[in-house]
């Protein structure tokens, strides 16, 4: 239910004396004007139904919703004039919701790949080490030049905490915040840990909503991770429990199907892994590895600096 519907509902269920109407049918009143809605909110504040803080939030959100809905002629409203702060607030809210829906953890939402994501505990930038310079440059170039059909990258290092996930997440955030797809629409993105991906594939075998409530079917998994995302990050490929791969050839085949589709459809896939090309081939087979690396060439990270121990991510939200 939207903000305007909530306000309308409040107006419908209160009598002039302030008591609620119970067990009684009512005829919906005509649509309210902007001024009537504001007056109704004030009346609810006076009656103690809404707190002053809640009313302020309603008015703010109502102004944003009014702009989006007025073109449909659903309500008679005045033109709302939003400040730059209101516009930035709404944009950040929508971006955050997108990142949440895409599976990206909140600590990555404020990253920028066009700036250095490596910060000391005092907020100063680290110098990019030679062992990380190639990967950082490649990921920054991918973000700035991304368009529909762009190739991805496979970040590889045997060491932990060297910024593979950080760089991949920063690219994902930049593309979502700054780019549009070939149709001029927001880019569809998805972030998934390899273990979660294989778990979803395995559980989807023979699953339907009726048999397994809450478990995605094979088709839903396919849409979620293979078909829909224009940018997909598979994080920590190779760390998923190997037993998941031993459930049967069907699981392997579904991962091959995903890799093959994203290769053929020219969709951007970013992978982080500790495995080199030979290890990937040994684990998943040459037919899978060749499709993954053809569209997401391997870029090694040779530094052994554990940024996870020393660095602090800048959690501020710069996307104003």
C-alpha atoms as a PDB file:
ATOM      1  CA  UNK A   1       0.000   0.000   0.000  1.00  0.00           C
ATOM      2  CA  UNK A   2       1.437   3.371  -1.013  1.00  0.00           C
ATOM      3  CA  UNK A   3       1.641   6.551   1.035  1.00  0.00           C
ATOM      4  CA  UNK A   4      -1.426   8.112  -0.537  1.00  0.00           C
ATOM      5  CA  UNK A   5      -3.460   4.950   0.018  1.00  0.00           C
ATOM      6  CA  UNK A   6      -2.378   4.964   3.691  1.00  0.00           C
ATOM      7  CA  UNK A   7      -3.493   8.567   4.091  1.00  0.00           C
ATOM      8  CA  UNK A   8      -6.756   7.806   2.324  1.00  0.00           C
ATOM      9  CA  UNK A   9      -7.336   4.840   4.638  1.00  0.00           C
ATOM     10  CA  UNK A  10      -6.747   6.968   7.718  1.00  0.00           C
ATOM     11  CA  UNK A  11      -9.298   9.447   6.443  1.00  0.00           C
ATOM     12  CA  UNK A  12     -11.827   6.717   5.762  1.00  0.00           C
ATOM     13  CA  UNK A  13     -11.708   5.029   9.184  1.00  0.00           C
ATOM     14  CA  UNK A  14     -11.905   8.096  11.439  1.00  0.00           C
ATOM     15  CA  UNK A  15     -15.093   9.852  12.430  1.00  0.00           C
ATOM     16  CA  UNK A  16     -15.124  13.587  13.192  1.00  0.00           C
ATOM     17  CA  UNK A  17     -14.957  12.732  16.893  1.00  0.00           C
ATOM     18  CA  UNK A  18     -11.807  10.750  16.412  1.00  0.00           C
ATOM     19  CA  UNK A  19     -13.151   7.253  17.073  1.00  0.00           C
ATOM     20  CA  UNK A  20     -12.668   4.420  14.590  1.00  0.00           C
ATOM     21  CA  UNK A  21     -15.546   3.060  12.519  1.00  0.00           C
ATOM     22  CA  UNK A  22     -16.063  -0.628  13.285  1.00  0.00           C
ATOM     23  CA  UNK A  23     -18.318  -3.240  11.713  1.00  0.00           C
ATOM     24  CA  UNK A  24     -19.731  -0.744   9.298  1.00  0.00           C
ATOM     25  CA  UNK A  25     -19.514  -0.504   5.560  1.00  0.00           C
ATOM     26  CA  UNK A  26     -18.525   2.827   4.153  1.00  0.00           C
ATOM     27  CA  UNK A  27     -18.436   4.498   0.778  1.00  0.00           C
ATOM     28  CA  UNK A  28     -14.937   5.616  -0.216  1.00  0.00           C
ATOM     29  CA  UNK A  29     -14.705   9.396  -0.343  1.00  0.00           C
ATOM     30  CA  UNK A  30     -13.564  11.191  -3.500  1.00  0.00           C
ATOM     31  CA  UNK A  31      -9.846  11.632  -4.116  1.00  0.00           C
ATOM     32  CA  UNK A  32      -8.166  14.237  -1.924  1.00  0.00           C
ATOM     33  CA  UNK A  33      -6.160  17.198  -3.079  1.00  0.00           C
ATOM     34  CA  UNK A  34      -2.640  17.773  -1.794  1.00  0.00           C
ATOM     35  CA  UNK A  35      -3.933  20.406   0.634  1.00  0.00           C
ATOM     36  CA  UNK A  36      -6.631  18.073   1.982  1.00  0.00           C
ATOM     37  CA  UNK A  37      -4.071  15.335   2.537  1.00  0.00           C
ATOM     38  CA  UNK A  38      -1.807  17.697   4.468  1.00  0.00           C
ATOM     39  CA  UNK A  39      -4.769  18.852   6.581  1.00  0.00           C
ATOM     40  CA  UNK A  40      -5.763  15.272   7.246  1.00  0.00           C
ATOM     41  CA  UNK A  41      -2.253  14.422   8.430  1.00  0.00           C
ATOM     42  CA  UNK A  42      -2.347  17.431  10.765  1.00  0.00           C
ATOM     43  CA  UNK A  43      -5.705  16.268  12.141  1.00  0.00           C
ATOM     44  CA  UNK A  44      -4.285  12.805  12.810  1.00  0.00           C
ATOM     45  CA  UNK A  45      -1.320  14.340  14.623  1.00  0.00           C
ATOM     46  CA  UNK A  46      -3.703  16.408  16.778  1.00  0.00           C
ATOM     47  CA  UNK A  47      -5.733  13.278  17.533  1.00  0.00           C
ATOM     48  CA  UNK A  48      -2.607  11.357  18.534  1.00  0.00           C
ATOM     49  CA  UNK A  49      -2.982   8.848  15.695  1.00  0.00           C
ATOM     50  CA  UNK A  50       0.333   9.851  14.092  1.00  0.00           C
ATOM     51  CA  UNK A  51       3.421  11.211  15.838  1.00  0.00           C
ATOM     52  CA  UNK A  52       4.882  14.512  14.624  1.00  0.00           C
ATOM     53  CA  UNK A  53       7.988  12.642  13.415  1.00  0.00           C
ATOM     54  CA  UNK A  54       5.811  10.162  11.533  1.00  0.00           C
ATOM     55  CA  UNK A  55       3.846  12.993   9.961  1.00  0.00           C
ATOM     56  CA  UNK A  56       7.030  14.692   8.764  1.00  0.00           C
ATOM     57  CA  UNK A  57       8.185  11.443   7.199  1.00  0.00           C
ATOM     58  CA  UNK A  58       4.785  10.950   5.538  1.00  0.00           C
ATOM     59  CA  UNK A  59       4.858  14.421   4.026  1.00  0.00           C
ATOM     60  CA  UNK A  60       8.380  13.910   2.721  1.00  0.00           C
ATOM     61  CA  UNK A  61       7.590  10.545   1.155  1.00  0.00           C
ATOM     62  CA  UNK A  62       4.269  11.843  -0.150  1.00  0.00           C
ATOM     63  CA  UNK A  63       6.058  14.605  -2.054  1.00  0.00           C
ATOM     64  CA  UNK A  64       8.311  12.038  -3.714  1.00  0.00           C
ATOM     65  CA  UNK A  65       5.427   9.707  -4.515  1.00  0.00           C
ATOM     66  CA  UNK A  66       3.304  12.573  -5.813  1.00  0.00           C
ATOM     67  CA  UNK A  67       5.808  13.342  -8.560  1.00  0.00           C
ATOM     68  CA  UNK A  68       5.886   9.703  -9.652  1.00  0.00           C
ATOM     69  CA  UNK A  69       2.101   9.250  -9.661  1.00  0.00           C
ATOM     70  CA  UNK A  70       0.633  12.539 -10.797  1.00  0.00           C
ATOM     71  CA  UNK A  71       1.038  11.710 -14.469  1.00  0.00           C
ATOM     72  CA  UNK A  72      -1.390   8.814 -14.115  1.00  0.00           C
ATOM     73  CA  UNK A  73      -4.187  11.149 -13.038  1.00  0.00           C
ATOM     74  CA  UNK A  74      -4.999   9.078  -9.959  1.00  0.00           C
ATOM     75  CA  UNK A  75      -5.036  12.087  -7.657  1.00  0.00           C
ATOM     76  CA  UNK A  76      -5.520  15.823  -7.925  1.00  0.00           C
ATOM     77  CA  UNK A  77      -2.234  17.205  -6.633  1.00  0.00           C
ATOM     78  CA  UNK A  78      -0.086  20.261  -6.790  1.00  0.00           C
ATOM     79  CA  UNK A  79       3.324  20.163  -8.418  1.00  0.00           C
ATOM     80  CA  UNK A  80       5.806  19.318  -5.703  1.00  0.00           C
ATOM     81  CA  UNK A  81       9.131  21.122  -5.807  1.00  0.00           C
ATOM     82  CA  UNK A  82      11.901  19.011  -4.326  1.00  0.00           C
ATOM     83  CA  UNK A  83      15.223  20.260  -3.103  1.00  0.00           C
ATOM     84  CA  UNK A  84      18.499  18.743  -4.275  1.00  0.00           C
ATOM     85  CA  UNK A  85      18.686  17.040  -0.895  1.00  0.00           C
ATOM     86  CA  UNK A  86      15.271  15.411  -1.409  1.00  0.00           C
ATOM     87  CA  UNK A  87      16.253  14.183  -4.865  1.00  0.00           C
ATOM     88  CA  UNK A  88      19.535  12.773  -3.538  1.00  0.00           C
ATOM     89  CA  UNK A  89      17.702  11.156  -0.619  1.00  0.00           C
ATOM     90  CA  UNK A  90      15.260   9.423  -2.957  1.00  0.00           C
ATOM     91  CA  UNK A  91      18.025   8.260  -5.279  1.00  0.00           C
ATOM     92  CA  UNK A  92      20.048   6.796  -2.411  1.00  0.00           C
ATOM     93  CA  UNK A  93      16.952   5.072  -1.073  1.00  0.00           C
ATOM     94  CA  UNK A  94      16.220   3.450  -4.432  1.00  0.00           C
ATOM     95  CA  UNK A  95      19.862   2.457  -4.924  1.00  0.00           C
ATOM     96  CA  UNK A  96      20.048   0.870  -1.485  1.00  0.00           C
ATOM     97  CA  UNK A  97      16.878  -1.089  -2.129  1.00  0.00           C
ATOM     98  CA  UNK A  98      18.341  -2.298  -5.427  1.00  0.00           C
ATOM     99  CA  UNK A  99      21.562  -3.430  -3.750  1.00  0.00           C
ATOM    100  CA  UNK A 100      19.601  -5.187  -1.019  1.00  0.00           C
ATOM    101  CA  UNK A 101      17.417  -6.978  -3.571  1.00  0.00           C
ATOM    102  CA  UNK A 102      20.549  -7.933  -5.534  1.00  0.00           C
ATOM    103  CA  UNK A 103      22.107  -9.643  -2.506  1.00  0.00           C
ATOM    104  CA  UNK A 104      24.905  -7.120  -1.888  1.00  0.00           C
ATOM    105  CA  UNK A 105      25.806  -6.552   1.773  1.00  0.00           C
ATOM    106  CA  UNK A 106      25.328  -3.011   3.143  1.00  0.00           C
ATOM    107  CA  UNK A 107      29.038  -2.511   3.858  1.00  0.00           C
ATOM    108  CA  UNK A 108      29.659  -2.355   0.105  1.00  0.00           C
ATOM    109  CA  UNK A 109      26.882   0.066  -0.835  1.00  0.00           C
ATOM    110  CA  UNK A 110      29.040   3.196  -0.543  1.00  0.00           C
ATOM    111  CA  UNK A 111      32.041   1.975  -2.547  1.00  0.00           C
ATOM    112  CA  UNK A 112      33.324   3.888  -5.574  1.00  0.00           C
ATOM    113  CA  UNK A 113      35.666   2.286  -8.067  1.00  0.00           C
ATOM    114  CA  UNK A 114      36.441   5.694  -9.645  1.00  0.00           C
ATOM    115  CA  UNK A 115      38.131   6.503  -6.346  1.00  0.00           C
ATOM    116  CA  UNK A 116      40.427   4.244  -4.356  1.00  0.00           C
ATOM    117  CA  UNK A 117      38.405   1.793  -2.239  1.00  0.00           C
ATOM    118  CA  UNK A 118      41.490   1.091  -0.141  1.00  0.00           C
ATOM    119  CA  UNK A 119      41.382   3.348   2.914  1.00  0.00           C
ATOM    120  CA  UNK A 120      43.420   3.423   6.108  1.00  0.00           C
ATOM    121  CA  UNK A 121      41.689   3.632   9.463  1.00  0.00           C
ATOM    122  CA  UNK A 122      42.203   7.418   9.219  1.00  0.00           C
ATOM    123  CA  UNK A 123      40.441   7.632   5.868  1.00  0.00           C
ATOM    124  CA  UNK A 124      43.609   8.141   3.826  1.00  0.00           C
ATOM    125  CA  UNK A 125      44.074   6.211   0.609  1.00  0.00           C
ATOM    126  CA  UNK A 126      46.516   3.342   0.517  1.00  0.00           C
ATOM    127  CA  UNK A 127      48.966   3.275  -2.337  1.00  0.00           C
ATOM    128  CA  UNK A 128      47.929   0.518  -4.720  1.00  0.00           C
ATOM    129  CA  UNK A 129      50.606  -2.154  -4.529  1.00  0.00           C
ATOM    130  CA  UNK A 130      52.179  -3.455  -7.758  1.00  0.00           C
ATOM    131  CA  UNK A 131      50.584  -6.856  -7.117  1.00  0.00           C
ATOM    132  CA  UNK A 132      47.129  -5.277  -7.092  1.00  0.00           C
ATOM    133  CA  UNK A 133      47.658  -2.505  -9.619  1.00  0.00           C
ATOM    134  CA  UNK A 134      46.726  -4.541 -12.697  1.00  0.00           C
ATOM    135  CA  UNK A 135      43.513  -5.842 -11.157  1.00  0.00           C
ATOM    136  CA  UNK A 136      42.520  -2.415  -9.846  1.00  0.00           C
ATOM    137  CA  UNK A 137      43.137  -0.814 -13.244  1.00  0.00           C
ATOM    138  CA  UNK A 138      41.236  -3.549 -15.086  1.00  0.00           C
ATOM    139  CA  UNK A 139      38.211  -3.293 -12.783  1.00  0.00           C
ATOM    140  CA  UNK A 140      38.167   0.498 -12.952  1.00  0.00           C
ATOM    141  CA  UNK A 141      38.289   0.324 -16.754  1.00  0.00           C
ATOM    142  CA  UNK A 142      35.449  -2.231 -16.797  1.00  0.00           C
ATOM    143  CA  UNK A 143      33.260   0.016 -14.668  1.00  0.00           C
ATOM    144  CA  UNK A 144      33.904   3.227 -16.606  1.00  0.00           C
ATOM    145  CA  UNK A 145      33.487   1.660 -20.055  1.00  0.00           C
ATOM    146  CA  UNK A 146      30.703  -0.800 -19.252  1.00  0.00           C
ATOM    147  CA  UNK A 147      27.833  -1.112 -21.696  1.00  0.00           C
ATOM    148  CA  UNK A 148      25.397  -3.885 -22.538  1.00  0.00           C
ATOM    149  CA  UNK A 149      27.441  -6.811 -23.846  1.00  0.00           C
ATOM    150  CA  UNK A 150      30.686  -5.915 -22.075  1.00  0.00           C
ATOM    151  CA  UNK A 151      32.916  -8.751 -20.987  1.00  0.00           C
ATOM    152  CA  UNK A 152      33.515  -9.394 -17.311  1.00  0.00           C
ATOM    153  CA  UNK A 153      36.641 -10.274 -15.324  1.00  0.00           C
ATOM    154  CA  UNK A 154      37.748 -13.195 -13.161  1.00  0.00           C
ATOM    155  CA  UNK A 155      39.819 -11.932 -10.233  1.00  0.00           C
ATOM    156  CA  UNK A 156      42.119 -14.694  -8.999  1.00  0.00           C
ATOM    157  CA  UNK A 157      44.441 -14.928  -6.020  1.00  0.00           C
ATOM    158  CA  UNK A 158      45.452 -17.797  -3.755  1.00  0.00           C
ATOM    159  CA  UNK A 159      45.630 -15.323  -0.872  1.00  0.00           C
ATOM    160  CA  UNK A 160      42.698 -14.178   1.215  1.00  0.00           C
ATOM    161  CA  UNK A 161      41.743 -10.599   2.017  1.00  0.00           C
ATOM    162  CA  UNK A 162      43.451  -9.114  -1.048  1.00  0.00           C
ATOM    163  CA  UNK A 163      40.352  -7.183  -2.171  1.00  0.00           C
ATOM    164  CA  UNK A 164      38.797  -9.532  -4.759  1.00  0.00           C
ATOM    165  CA  UNK A 165      35.270  -9.132  -3.361  1.00  0.00           C
ATOM    166  CA  UNK A 166      35.821  -5.437  -2.599  1.00  0.00           C
ATOM    167  CA  UNK A 167      36.799  -4.635  -6.179  1.00  0.00           C
ATOM    168  CA  UNK A 168      33.980  -6.728  -7.670  1.00  0.00           C
ATOM    169  CA  UNK A 169      31.395  -5.077  -5.419  1.00  0.00           C
ATOM    170  CA  UNK A 170      32.754  -1.597  -6.225  1.00  0.00           C
ATOM    171  CA  UNK A 171      32.337  -2.248  -9.965  1.00  0.00           C
ATOM    172  CA  UNK A 172      28.808  -3.520  -9.405  1.00  0.00           C
ATOM    173  CA  UNK A 173      27.871  -0.436  -7.362  1.00  0.00           C
ATOM    174  CA  UNK A 174      29.357   1.942  -9.941  1.00  0.00           C
ATOM    175  CA  UNK A 175      27.548   0.325 -12.873  1.00  0.00           C
ATOM    176  CA  UNK A 176      24.221   0.412 -11.062  1.00  0.00           C
ATOM    177  CA  UNK A 177      24.656   4.010  -9.933  1.00  0.00           C
ATOM    178  CA  UNK A 178      26.106   5.463 -13.135  1.00  0.00           C
ATOM    179  CA  UNK A 179      25.080   3.311 -16.105  1.00  0.00           C
ATOM    180  CA  UNK A 180      21.982   2.392 -18.112  1.00  0.00           C
ATOM    181  CA  UNK A 181      21.526  -0.633 -20.342  1.00  0.00           C
ATOM    182  CA  UNK A 182      21.094  -0.565 -24.133  1.00  0.00           C
ATOM    183  CA  UNK A 183      17.371   0.152 -23.701  1.00  0.00           C
ATOM    184  CA  UNK A 184      18.062   3.175 -21.506  1.00  0.00           C
ATOM    185  CA  UNK A 185      16.823   1.370 -18.401  1.00  0.00           C
ATOM    186  CA  UNK A 186      18.515   0.606 -15.047  1.00  0.00           C
ATOM    187  CA  UNK A 187      21.012  -2.239 -15.236  1.00  0.00           C
ATOM    188  CA  UNK A 188      19.841  -5.524 -13.691  1.00  0.00           C
ATOM    189  CA  UNK A 189      22.467  -6.751 -11.225  1.00  0.00           C
ATOM    190  CA  UNK A 190      22.955  -9.757  -8.929  1.00  0.00           C
ATOM    191  CA  UNK A 191      25.575 -10.708  -6.343  1.00  0.00           C
ATOM    192  CA  UNK A 192      25.809 -14.290  -5.082  1.00  0.00           C
ATOM    193  CA  UNK A 193      28.274 -16.364  -3.128  1.00  0.00           C
ATOM    194  CA  UNK A 194      29.244 -19.489  -5.044  1.00  0.00           C
ATOM    195  CA  UNK A 195      28.075 -21.675  -2.158  1.00  0.00           C
ATOM    196  CA  UNK A 196      24.645 -20.033  -2.207  1.00  0.00           C
ATOM    197  CA  UNK A 197      24.402 -20.470  -5.982  1.00  0.00           C
ATOM    198  CA  UNK A 198      25.206 -24.180  -5.921  1.00  0.00           C
ATOM    199  CA  UNK A 199      22.935 -24.684  -2.936  1.00  0.00           C
ATOM    200  CA  UNK A 200      20.051 -23.046  -4.829  1.00  0.00           C
ATOM    201  CA  UNK A 201      20.777 -25.201  -7.892  1.00  0.00           C
ATOM    202  CA  UNK A 202      20.898 -28.400  -5.858  1.00  0.00           C
ATOM    203  CA  UNK A 203      17.743 -27.677  -3.872  1.00  0.00           C
ATOM    204  CA  UNK A 204      15.811 -26.750  -7.001  1.00  0.00           C
ATOM    205  CA  UNK A 205      15.984 -30.309  -8.341  1.00  0.00           C
ATOM    206  CA  UNK A 206      12.372 -31.451  -8.674  1.00  0.00           C
ATOM    207  CA  UNK A 207      11.176 -28.568  -6.508  1.00  0.00           C
ATOM    208  CA  UNK A 208       7.892 -26.769  -6.949  1.00  0.00           C
ATOM    209  CA  UNK A 209       6.310 -24.191  -4.685  1.00  0.00           C
ATOM    210  CA  UNK A 210       3.626 -26.705  -3.671  1.00  0.00           C
ATOM    211  CA  UNK A 211       6.156 -29.371  -2.678  1.00  0.00           C
ATOM    212  CA  UNK A 212       8.827 -27.105  -1.197  1.00  0.00           C
ATOM    213  CA  UNK A 213       7.483 -23.723  -0.081  1.00  0.00           C
ATOM    214  CA  UNK A 214      10.202 -21.082  -0.174  1.00  0.00           C
ATOM    215  CA  UNK A 215      12.566 -23.121  -2.370  1.00  0.00           C
ATOM    216  CA  UNK A 216      13.182 -21.795  -5.863  1.00  0.00           C
ATOM    217  CA  UNK A 217      12.390 -24.060  -8.764  1.00  0.00           C
ATOM    218  CA  UNK A 218      15.005 -24.747 -11.422  1.00  0.00           C
ATOM    219  CA  UNK A 219      13.352 -22.188 -13.692  1.00  0.00           C
ATOM    220  CA  UNK A 220      13.392 -19.557 -10.928  1.00  0.00           C
ATOM    221  CA  UNK A 221      17.084 -20.218 -10.268  1.00  0.00           C
ATOM    222  CA  UNK A 222      17.705 -19.927 -13.998  1.00  0.00           C
ATOM    223  CA  UNK A 223      15.940 -16.564 -14.194  1.00  0.00           C
ATOM    224  CA  UNK A 224      17.529 -15.240 -10.987  1.00  0.00           C
ATOM    225  CA  UNK A 225      21.141 -16.011 -11.831  1.00  0.00           C
ATOM    226  CA  UNK A 226      21.456 -16.834 -15.534  1.00  0.00           C
ATOM    227  CA  UNK A 227      18.889 -15.007 -17.645  1.00  0.00           C
ATOM    228  CA  UNK A 228      17.949 -11.757 -15.904  1.00  0.00           C
ATOM    229  CA  UNK A 229      21.145 -10.212 -14.467  1.00  0.00           C
ATOM    230  CA  UNK A 230      23.014  -8.087 -16.981  1.00  0.00           C
ATOM    231  CA  UNK A 231      25.812  -7.977 -14.416  1.00  0.00           C
ATOM    232  CA  UNK A 232      26.320 -11.070 -12.237  1.00  0.00           C
ATOM    233  CA  UNK A 233      28.991 -11.462  -9.560  1.00  0.00           C
ATOM    234  CA  UNK A 234      29.851 -15.011  -8.463  1.00  0.00           C
ATOM    235  CA  UNK A 235      31.960 -14.545  -5.344  1.00  0.00           C
ATOM    236  CA  UNK A 236      34.451 -17.123  -4.043  1.00  0.00           C
ATOM    237  CA  UNK A 237      33.962 -19.655  -6.828  1.00  0.00           C
ATOM    238  CA  UNK A 238      35.605 -22.882  -5.719  1.00  0.00           C
ATOM    239  CA  UNK A 239      34.943 -22.470  -1.984  1.00  0.00           C
ATOM    240  CA  UNK A 240      31.480 -24.050  -2.125  1.00  0.00           C
ATOM    241  CA  UNK A 241      31.327 -27.454  -0.358  1.00  0.00           C
ATOM    242  CA  UNK A 242      32.504 -29.957  -2.939  1.00  0.00           C
ATOM    243  CA  UNK A 243      29.868 -32.395  -1.714  1.00  0.00           C
ATOM    244  CA  UNK A 244      27.302 -30.185  -3.439  1.00  0.00           C
ATOM    245  CA  UNK A 245      28.907 -31.054  -6.760  1.00  0.00           C
ATOM    246  CA  UNK A 246      28.713 -34.753  -5.915  1.00  0.00           C
ATOM    247  CA  UNK A 247      24.912 -34.699  -5.647  1.00  0.00           C
ATOM    248  CA  UNK A 248      24.896 -35.669  -9.302  1.00  0.00           C
ATOM    249  CA  UNK A 249      25.736 -34.701 -12.814  1.00  0.00           C
ATOM    250  CA  UNK A 250      22.501 -32.728 -12.934  1.00  0.00           C
ATOM    251  CA  UNK A 251      23.992 -30.035 -10.686  1.00  0.00           C
ATOM    252  CA  UNK A 252      27.083 -29.819 -12.862  1.00  0.00           C
ATOM    253  CA  UNK A 253      24.918 -29.628 -15.967  1.00  0.00           C
ATOM    254  CA  UNK A 254      22.896 -26.736 -14.540  1.00  0.00           C
ATOM    255  CA  UNK A 255      26.074 -24.764 -13.813  1.00  0.00           C
ATOM    256  CA  UNK A 256      27.272 -25.486 -17.357  1.00  0.00           C
ATOM    257  CA  UNK A 257      23.890 -24.290 -18.644  1.00  0.00           C
ATOM    258  CA  UNK A 258      24.307 -21.046 -16.699  1.00  0.00           C
ATOM    259  CA  UNK A 259      27.865 -20.492 -17.962  1.00  0.00           C
ATOM    260  CA  UNK A 260      26.901 -21.336 -21.532  1.00  0.00           C
ATOM    261  CA  UNK A 261      23.895 -18.995 -21.557  1.00  0.00           C
ATOM    262  CA  UNK A 262      25.790 -16.033 -20.135  1.00  0.00           C
ATOM    263  CA  UNK A 263      28.573 -16.647 -22.666  1.00  0.00           C
ATOM    264  CA  UNK A 264      26.196 -16.916 -25.623  1.00  0.00           C
ATOM    265  CA  UNK A 265      24.000 -13.992 -24.550  1.00  0.00           C
ATOM    266  CA  UNK A 266      27.068 -11.768 -23.988  1.00  0.00           C
ATOM    267  CA  UNK A 267      26.116 -10.975 -20.391  1.00  0.00           C
ATOM    268  CA  UNK A 268      28.676  -9.520 -17.967  1.00  0.00           C
ATOM    269  CA  UNK A 269      29.897 -11.989 -15.353  1.00  0.00           C
ATOM    270  CA  UNK A 270      32.440 -11.033 -12.689  1.00  0.00           C
ATOM    271  CA  UNK A 271      34.029 -13.905 -10.768  1.00  0.00           C
ATOM    272  CA  UNK A 272      36.293 -13.966  -7.733  1.00  0.00           C
ATOM    273  CA  UNK A 273      38.203 -17.134  -6.975  1.00  0.00           C
ATOM    274  CA  UNK A 274      41.339 -18.617  -5.424  1.00  0.00           C
ATOM    275  CA  UNK A 275      41.613 -21.134  -8.285  1.00  0.00           C
ATOM    276  CA  UNK A 276      43.757 -20.672 -11.365  1.00  0.00           C
ATOM    277  CA  UNK A 277      42.643 -21.857 -14.816  1.00  0.00           C
ATOM    278  CA  UNK A 278      43.970 -25.387 -14.342  1.00  0.00           C
ATOM    279  CA  UNK A 279      42.260 -25.765 -10.972  1.00  0.00           C
ATOM    280  CA  UNK A 280      38.981 -24.419 -12.362  1.00  0.00           C
ATOM    281  CA  UNK A 281      39.167 -26.938 -15.205  1.00  0.00           C
ATOM    282  CA  UNK A 282      39.893 -29.791 -12.821  1.00  0.00           C
ATOM    283  CA  UNK A 283      36.949 -28.840 -10.622  1.00  0.00           C
ATOM    284  CA  UNK A 284      34.260 -27.874 -13.150  1.00  0.00           C
ATOM    285  CA  UNK A 285      35.464 -29.342 -16.423  1.00  0.00           C
ATOM    286  CA  UNK A 286      36.998 -27.720 -19.478  1.00  0.00           C
ATOM    287  CA  UNK A 287      33.657 -27.048 -21.174  1.00  0.00           C
ATOM    288  CA  UNK A 288      32.550 -24.871 -18.223  1.00  0.00           C
ATOM    289  CA  UNK A 289      35.888 -23.155 -17.606  1.00  0.00           C
ATOM    290  CA  UNK A 290      36.379 -22.217 -21.261  1.00  0.00           C
ATOM    291  CA  UNK A 291      32.988 -20.478 -21.344  1.00  0.00           C
ATOM    292  CA  UNK A 292      33.580 -18.653 -18.078  1.00  0.00           C
ATOM    293  CA  UNK A 293      37.062 -17.407 -18.962  1.00  0.00           C
ATOM    294  CA  UNK A 294      36.190 -16.559 -22.576  1.00  0.00           C
ATOM    295  CA  UNK A 295      33.806 -13.849 -21.366  1.00  0.00           C
ATOM    296  CA  UNK A 296      35.555 -13.189 -18.034  1.00  0.00           C
ATOM    297  CA  UNK A 297      39.317 -13.400 -18.615  1.00  0.00           C
ATOM    298  CA  UNK A 298      41.452 -14.186 -15.607  1.00  0.00           C
ATOM    299  CA  UNK A 299      43.330 -11.297 -13.968  1.00  0.00           C
ATOM    300  CA  UNK A 300      45.700 -12.403 -11.181  1.00  0.00           C
ATOM    301  CA  UNK A 301      46.300 -10.544  -7.932  1.00  0.00           C
ATOM    302  CA  UNK A 302      49.766 -11.302  -6.626  1.00  0.00           C
ATOM    303  CA  UNK A 303      49.906  -9.151  -3.488  1.00  0.00           C
ATOM    304  CA  UNK A 304      49.785 -10.880  -0.114  1.00  0.00           C
ATOM    305  CA  UNK A 305      48.616  -7.802   1.819  1.00  0.00           C
ATOM    306  CA  UNK A 306      45.496  -8.633   3.825  1.00  0.00           C
ATOM    307  CA  UNK A 307      43.408  -5.510   3.349  1.00  0.00           C
ATOM    308  CA  UNK A 308      40.684  -7.130   5.400  1.00  0.00           C
ATOM    309  CA  UNK A 309      42.927  -6.848   8.454  1.00  0.00           C
ATOM    310  CA  UNK A 310      44.234  -3.328   7.815  1.00  0.00           C
ATOM    311  CA  UNK A 311      41.689  -1.418   5.747  1.00  0.00           C
ATOM    312  CA  UNK A 312      38.383   0.121   6.625  1.00  0.00           C
ATOM    313  CA  UNK A 313      35.732   0.398   3.945  1.00  0.00           C
ATOM    314  CA  UNK A 314      34.299   3.873   3.514  1.00  0.00           C
ATOM    315  CA  UNK A 315      30.679   3.224   4.498  1.00  0.00           C
ATOM    316  CA  UNK A 316      29.473   6.705   3.569  1.00  0.00           C
ATOM    317  CA  UNK A 317      27.013   6.918   0.723  1.00  0.00           C
ATOM    318  CA  UNK A 318      28.445   9.202  -1.976  1.00  0.00           C
ATOM    319  CA  UNK A 319      25.828   8.640  -4.663  1.00  0.00           C
ATOM    320  CA  UNK A 320      24.141  12.025  -4.436  1.00  0.00           C
END
